[in-house]
């Protein structure tokens, strides 16, 4: 069975999975929205609107208003792969968000997550 292209999957299907991952560990949707907004430049309201739209996960990142320049400070492994070594730029953006949500779920302080 071929692997699904994550970039073509609906943002509305994937984002709730990230929120759920954080909520299972006692974090909130608001915190997931905050790290997503920090990474992409979308407002919380825009994220909510896009979650109700038909936008793909890839287009969510390709159309991001202002990817945070400090995202390159995000390092470490997600699914056994070091995010800083991912060659495909779009996949690296996906994994940056995964890593931020992982850090949230692990109880890290928001200041550290947002690389302040």
N, C-alpha and C. Protein backbone atom coordinates (compact mmCIF):
# COMPACT_ATOMS: atom_id res chain seq x y z
N UNK A 1 0.84 -1.19 0.00
CA UNK A 1 0.00 0.00 0.00
C UNK A 1 0.89 1.24 0.00
N UNK A 2 0.71 2.14 -0.96
CA UNK A 2 1.56 3.34 -1.02
C UNK A 2 1.29 4.29 0.14
N UNK A 3 2.33 4.99 0.55
CA UNK A 3 2.19 5.97 1.63
C UNK A 3 1.44 7.20 1.12
N UNK A 4 0.62 7.74 1.98
CA UNK A 4 -0.13 8.94 1.61
C UNK A 4 0.81 10.14 1.62
N UNK A 5 0.60 11.05 0.69
CA UNK A 5 1.37 12.29 0.63
C UNK A 5 0.75 13.25 1.64
N UNK A 6 1.46 13.47 2.74
CA UNK A 6 0.94 14.31 3.82
C UNK A 6 0.61 15.71 3.32
N UNK A 7 1.36 16.21 2.36
CA UNK A 7 1.12 17.57 1.88
C UNK A 7 -0.25 17.70 1.22
N UNK A 8 -0.81 16.61 0.73
CA UNK A 8 -2.11 16.64 0.06
C UNK A 8 -3.27 16.40 1.02
N UNK A 9 -2.96 15.96 2.24
CA UNK A 9 -4.02 15.67 3.21
C UNK A 9 -4.64 16.98 3.70
N UNK A 10 -5.92 16.93 4.08
CA UNK A 10 -6.57 18.15 4.56
C UNK A 10 -6.01 18.63 5.90
N UNK A 11 -5.73 19.91 5.98
CA UNK A 11 -5.31 20.51 7.25
C UNK A 11 -6.35 20.22 8.32
N UNK A 12 -7.62 20.25 7.95
CA UNK A 12 -8.72 20.02 8.89
C UNK A 12 -8.69 18.62 9.48
N UNK A 13 -8.04 17.70 8.83
CA UNK A 13 -7.92 16.33 9.35
C UNK A 13 -6.68 16.18 10.24
N UNK A 14 -5.60 16.83 9.88
CA UNK A 14 -4.34 16.66 10.60
C UNK A 14 -4.20 17.54 11.85
N UNK A 15 -4.69 18.77 11.77
CA UNK A 15 -4.52 19.68 12.91
C UNK A 15 -5.18 19.16 14.18
N UNK A 16 -6.39 18.61 14.11
CA UNK A 16 -6.99 18.07 15.33
C UNK A 16 -6.17 16.93 15.96
N UNK A 17 -5.40 16.22 15.15
CA UNK A 17 -4.53 15.17 15.69
C UNK A 17 -3.41 15.78 16.53
N UNK A 18 -2.87 16.91 16.07
CA UNK A 18 -1.84 17.60 16.85
C UNK A 18 -2.43 18.13 18.15
N UNK A 19 -3.61 18.70 18.07
CA UNK A 19 -4.29 19.22 19.26
C UNK A 19 -4.55 18.08 20.24
N UNK A 20 -5.03 16.96 19.73
CA UNK A 20 -5.31 15.80 20.57
C UNK A 20 -4.07 15.28 21.28
N UNK A 21 -2.95 15.26 20.57
CA UNK A 21 -1.69 14.79 21.16
C UNK A 21 -1.34 15.65 22.38
N UNK A 22 -1.48 16.95 22.24
CA UNK A 22 -1.16 17.86 23.34
C UNK A 22 -2.18 17.74 24.47
N UNK A 23 -3.45 17.64 24.13
CA UNK A 23 -4.49 17.57 25.16
C UNK A 23 -4.39 16.30 25.99
N UNK A 24 -3.96 15.21 25.38
CA UNK A 24 -3.78 13.95 26.13
C UNK A 24 -2.75 14.10 27.24
N UNK A 25 -1.85 15.05 27.07
CA UNK A 25 -0.79 15.28 28.05
C UNK A 25 -1.07 16.49 28.94
N UNK A 26 -2.33 16.97 28.91
CA UNK A 26 -2.71 18.06 29.79
C UNK A 26 -2.47 19.46 29.25
N UNK A 27 -2.10 19.58 27.99
CA UNK A 27 -1.93 20.90 27.41
C UNK A 27 -3.21 21.29 26.69
N UNK A 28 -3.30 22.52 26.22
CA UNK A 28 -4.56 23.01 25.65
C UNK A 28 -4.45 23.29 24.16
N UNK A 29 -5.62 23.38 23.55
CA UNK A 29 -5.70 23.77 22.14
C UNK A 29 -5.11 25.16 21.95
N UNK A 30 -5.35 26.04 22.91
CA UNK A 30 -4.84 27.40 22.83
C UNK A 30 -3.31 27.40 22.74
N UNK A 31 -2.67 26.49 23.46
CA UNK A 31 -1.22 26.41 23.41
C UNK A 31 -0.74 25.88 22.05
N UNK A 32 -1.46 24.91 21.49
CA UNK A 32 -1.12 24.40 20.16
C UNK A 32 -1.30 25.52 19.14
N UNK A 33 -2.40 26.27 19.27
CA UNK A 33 -2.62 27.40 18.37
C UNK A 33 -1.49 28.42 18.50
N UNK A 34 -1.04 28.65 19.73
CA UNK A 34 0.02 29.63 19.97
C UNK A 34 1.32 29.21 19.29
N UNK A 35 1.71 27.94 19.43
CA UNK A 35 2.97 27.52 18.79
C UNK A 35 2.82 27.49 17.27
N UNK A 36 1.63 27.15 16.78
CA UNK A 36 1.39 27.15 15.34
C UNK A 36 1.46 28.58 14.79
N UNK A 37 0.87 29.51 15.51
CA UNK A 37 0.92 30.92 15.10
C UNK A 37 2.36 31.43 15.12
N UNK A 38 3.11 31.06 16.15
CA UNK A 38 4.52 31.47 16.24
C UNK A 38 5.30 30.96 15.03
N UNK A 39 5.06 29.71 14.67
CA UNK A 39 5.81 29.10 13.58
C UNK A 39 5.44 29.68 12.22
N UNK A 40 4.14 29.90 11.98
CA UNK A 40 3.65 30.21 10.64
C UNK A 40 3.32 31.67 10.37
N UNK A 41 3.04 32.43 11.41
CA UNK A 41 2.63 33.81 11.22
C UNK A 41 1.12 33.98 11.07
N UNK A 42 0.39 32.87 11.04
CA UNK A 42 -1.08 32.97 11.04
C UNK A 42 -1.55 33.45 12.40
N UNK A 43 -2.69 34.12 12.44
CA UNK A 43 -3.31 34.45 13.72
C UNK A 43 -4.10 33.22 14.17
N UNK A 44 -4.47 33.22 15.44
CA UNK A 44 -5.29 32.12 15.97
C UNK A 44 -6.62 32.05 15.22
N UNK A 45 -7.18 33.20 14.88
CA UNK A 45 -8.44 33.24 14.14
C UNK A 45 -8.28 32.66 12.74
N UNK A 46 -7.16 32.97 12.10
CA UNK A 46 -6.90 32.41 10.76
C UNK A 46 -6.73 30.89 10.82
N UNK A 47 -6.06 30.40 11.84
CA UNK A 47 -5.89 28.96 12.00
C UNK A 47 -7.25 28.29 12.14
N UNK A 48 -8.12 28.87 12.97
CA UNK A 48 -9.46 28.31 13.16
C UNK A 48 -10.25 28.33 11.85
N UNK A 49 -10.14 29.40 11.09
CA UNK A 49 -10.84 29.50 9.81
C UNK A 49 -10.31 28.46 8.83
N UNK A 50 -9.00 28.32 8.77
CA UNK A 50 -8.39 27.35 7.85
C UNK A 50 -8.74 25.91 8.23
N UNK A 51 -8.95 25.68 9.51
CA UNK A 51 -9.33 24.34 9.96
C UNK A 51 -10.74 23.98 9.48
N UNK A 52 -11.53 24.98 9.18
CA UNK A 52 -12.88 24.75 8.64
C UNK A 52 -12.90 24.77 7.11
N UNK A 53 -11.76 24.99 6.51
CA UNK A 53 -11.69 25.11 5.05
C UNK A 53 -11.21 23.79 4.42
N UNK A 54 -11.01 23.85 3.13
CA UNK A 54 -10.54 22.68 2.37
C UNK A 54 -9.04 22.72 2.12
N UNK A 55 -8.30 23.63 2.75
CA UNK A 55 -6.88 23.78 2.47
C UNK A 55 -6.11 22.50 2.82
N UNK A 56 -5.14 22.19 2.00
CA UNK A 56 -4.30 21.02 2.26
C UNK A 56 -3.23 21.39 3.29
N UNK A 57 -2.64 20.37 3.89
CA UNK A 57 -1.59 20.60 4.87
C UNK A 57 -0.40 21.30 4.21
N UNK A 58 -0.07 20.88 3.00
CA UNK A 58 1.03 21.51 2.27
C UNK A 58 0.75 22.97 1.99
N UNK A 59 -0.46 23.27 1.52
CA UNK A 59 -0.80 24.67 1.22
C UNK A 59 -0.86 25.52 2.48
N UNK A 60 -1.25 24.92 3.61
CA UNK A 60 -1.24 25.66 4.87
C UNK A 60 0.16 26.22 5.12
N UNK A 61 1.17 25.43 4.88
CA UNK A 61 2.54 25.88 5.10
C UNK A 61 3.06 26.74 3.95
N UNK A 62 2.74 26.37 2.72
CA UNK A 62 3.21 27.16 1.57
C UNK A 62 2.65 28.56 1.59
N UNK A 63 1.42 28.72 2.08
CA UNK A 63 0.76 30.04 2.09
C UNK A 63 0.91 30.77 3.43
N UNK A 64 1.72 30.24 4.32
CA UNK A 64 1.90 30.87 5.64
C UNK A 64 2.39 32.30 5.46
N UNK A 65 1.79 33.23 6.21
CA UNK A 65 2.14 34.64 6.04
C UNK A 65 3.58 34.99 6.39
N UNK A 66 4.14 34.34 7.42
CA UNK A 66 5.49 34.72 7.86
C UNK A 66 6.10 33.60 8.68
N UNK A 67 6.75 32.68 8.00
CA UNK A 67 7.41 31.60 8.74
C UNK A 67 8.47 32.22 9.65
N UNK A 68 8.47 31.80 10.91
CA UNK A 68 9.35 32.39 11.90
C UNK A 68 10.82 32.06 11.58
N UNK A 69 11.67 33.07 11.47
CA UNK A 69 13.07 32.80 11.16
C UNK A 69 13.77 31.98 12.24
N UNK A 70 13.28 32.02 13.46
CA UNK A 70 13.88 31.25 14.56
C UNK A 70 13.51 29.77 14.53
N UNK A 71 12.72 29.36 13.54
CA UNK A 71 12.34 27.95 13.47
C UNK A 71 13.55 27.06 13.23
N UNK A 72 14.61 27.64 12.67
CA UNK A 72 15.82 26.84 12.44
C UNK A 72 16.51 26.46 13.76
N UNK A 73 16.08 27.07 14.86
CA UNK A 73 16.61 26.71 16.17
C UNK A 73 15.95 25.44 16.71
N UNK A 74 14.91 24.98 16.03
CA UNK A 74 14.22 23.75 16.44
C UNK A 74 15.07 22.57 15.97
N UNK A 75 15.53 21.81 16.93
CA UNK A 75 16.36 20.65 16.62
C UNK A 75 15.86 19.44 17.40
N UNK A 76 16.34 18.30 17.03
CA UNK A 76 15.96 17.08 17.73
C UNK A 76 15.24 16.13 16.81
N UNK A 77 14.80 15.03 17.40
CA UNK A 77 14.18 13.97 16.60
C UNK A 77 12.66 13.98 16.70
N UNK A 78 12.05 13.69 15.56
CA UNK A 78 10.61 13.43 15.47
C UNK A 78 10.49 12.15 14.66
N UNK A 79 9.84 11.17 15.23
CA UNK A 79 9.70 9.87 14.55
C UNK A 79 11.07 9.29 14.18
N UNK A 80 12.06 9.52 15.03
CA UNK A 80 13.39 8.98 14.81
C UNK A 80 14.23 9.70 13.79
N UNK A 81 13.75 10.81 13.28
CA UNK A 81 14.47 11.58 12.25
C UNK A 81 14.81 12.96 12.81
N UNK A 82 16.03 13.37 12.66
CA UNK A 82 16.45 14.70 13.12
C UNK A 82 15.85 15.76 12.19
N UNK A 83 15.08 16.68 12.76
CA UNK A 83 14.39 17.67 11.94
C UNK A 83 15.36 18.55 11.17
N UNK A 84 16.49 18.87 11.76
CA UNK A 84 17.44 19.75 11.09
C UNK A 84 18.14 19.09 9.90
N UNK A 85 17.98 17.77 9.76
CA UNK A 85 18.62 17.05 8.65
C UNK A 85 17.65 16.70 7.52
N UNK A 86 16.40 17.08 7.66
CA UNK A 86 15.41 16.78 6.62
C UNK A 86 15.68 17.67 5.41
N UNK A 87 15.89 17.05 4.26
CA UNK A 87 16.26 17.80 3.07
C UNK A 87 15.09 18.51 2.40
N UNK A 88 13.93 17.88 2.37
CA UNK A 88 12.76 18.47 1.72
C UNK A 88 12.26 19.63 2.59
N UNK A 89 12.33 20.87 2.08
CA UNK A 89 11.96 22.04 2.90
C UNK A 89 10.52 21.98 3.42
N UNK A 90 9.58 21.51 2.62
CA UNK A 90 8.19 21.45 3.09
C UNK A 90 8.04 20.41 4.19
N UNK A 91 8.65 19.25 4.03
CA UNK A 91 8.59 18.22 5.07
C UNK A 91 9.24 18.71 6.35
N UNK A 92 10.31 19.49 6.23
CA UNK A 92 10.96 20.05 7.41
C UNK A 92 10.00 20.97 8.16
N UNK A 93 9.21 21.77 7.42
CA UNK A 93 8.22 22.64 8.07
C UNK A 93 7.19 21.81 8.83
N UNK A 94 6.72 20.71 8.22
CA UNK A 94 5.76 19.83 8.89
C UNK A 94 6.36 19.33 10.20
N UNK A 95 7.59 18.90 10.12
CA UNK A 95 8.25 18.31 11.29
C UNK A 95 8.57 19.34 12.36
N UNK A 96 8.82 20.59 11.95
CA UNK A 96 9.00 21.64 12.96
C UNK A 96 7.75 21.73 13.83
N UNK A 97 6.58 21.74 13.19
CA UNK A 97 5.34 21.83 13.98
C UNK A 97 5.17 20.58 14.83
N UNK A 98 5.45 19.41 14.28
CA UNK A 98 5.39 18.18 15.08
C UNK A 98 6.27 18.28 16.31
N UNK A 99 7.48 18.77 16.12
CA UNK A 99 8.44 18.89 17.23
C UNK A 99 7.95 19.87 18.28
N UNK A 100 7.38 21.00 17.86
CA UNK A 100 6.85 21.97 18.82
C UNK A 100 5.73 21.35 19.65
N UNK A 101 4.84 20.61 18.99
CA UNK A 101 3.74 19.96 19.72
C UNK A 101 4.27 18.87 20.64
N UNK A 102 5.28 18.13 20.20
CA UNK A 102 5.92 17.13 21.07
C UNK A 102 6.48 17.79 22.33
N UNK A 103 7.15 18.92 22.15
CA UNK A 103 7.72 19.62 23.30
C UNK A 103 6.62 20.10 24.24
N UNK A 104 5.52 20.57 23.67
CA UNK A 104 4.37 20.96 24.49
C UNK A 104 3.88 19.78 25.30
N UNK A 105 3.69 18.65 24.62
CA UNK A 105 3.15 17.45 25.27
C UNK A 105 4.09 16.93 26.36
N UNK A 106 5.37 17.19 26.21
CA UNK A 106 6.34 16.74 27.21
C UNK A 106 6.42 17.69 28.41
N UNK A 107 5.63 18.77 28.36
CA UNK A 107 5.57 19.68 29.50
C UNK A 107 6.58 20.80 29.50
N UNK A 108 7.23 21.02 28.40
CA UNK A 108 8.20 22.11 28.32
C UNK A 108 7.52 23.46 28.49
N UNK A 109 8.25 24.40 29.05
CA UNK A 109 7.73 25.76 29.23
C UNK A 109 7.59 26.43 27.88
N UNK A 110 6.55 27.24 27.74
CA UNK A 110 6.28 27.90 26.47
C UNK A 110 7.45 28.77 26.03
N UNK A 111 8.13 29.43 26.94
CA UNK A 111 9.28 30.27 26.59
C UNK A 111 10.37 29.45 25.88
N UNK A 112 10.60 28.25 26.34
CA UNK A 112 11.62 27.39 25.71
C UNK A 112 11.13 26.89 24.36
N UNK A 113 9.84 26.54 24.28
CA UNK A 113 9.29 26.04 23.03
C UNK A 113 9.40 27.10 21.95
N UNK A 114 9.11 28.34 22.31
CA UNK A 114 9.13 29.44 21.33
C UNK A 114 10.52 30.05 21.16
N UNK A 115 11.52 29.35 21.65
CA UNK A 115 12.92 29.73 21.46
C UNK A 115 13.21 31.18 21.86
N UNK A 116 12.71 31.57 23.03
CA UNK A 116 12.95 32.94 23.52
C UNK A 116 14.21 32.99 24.35
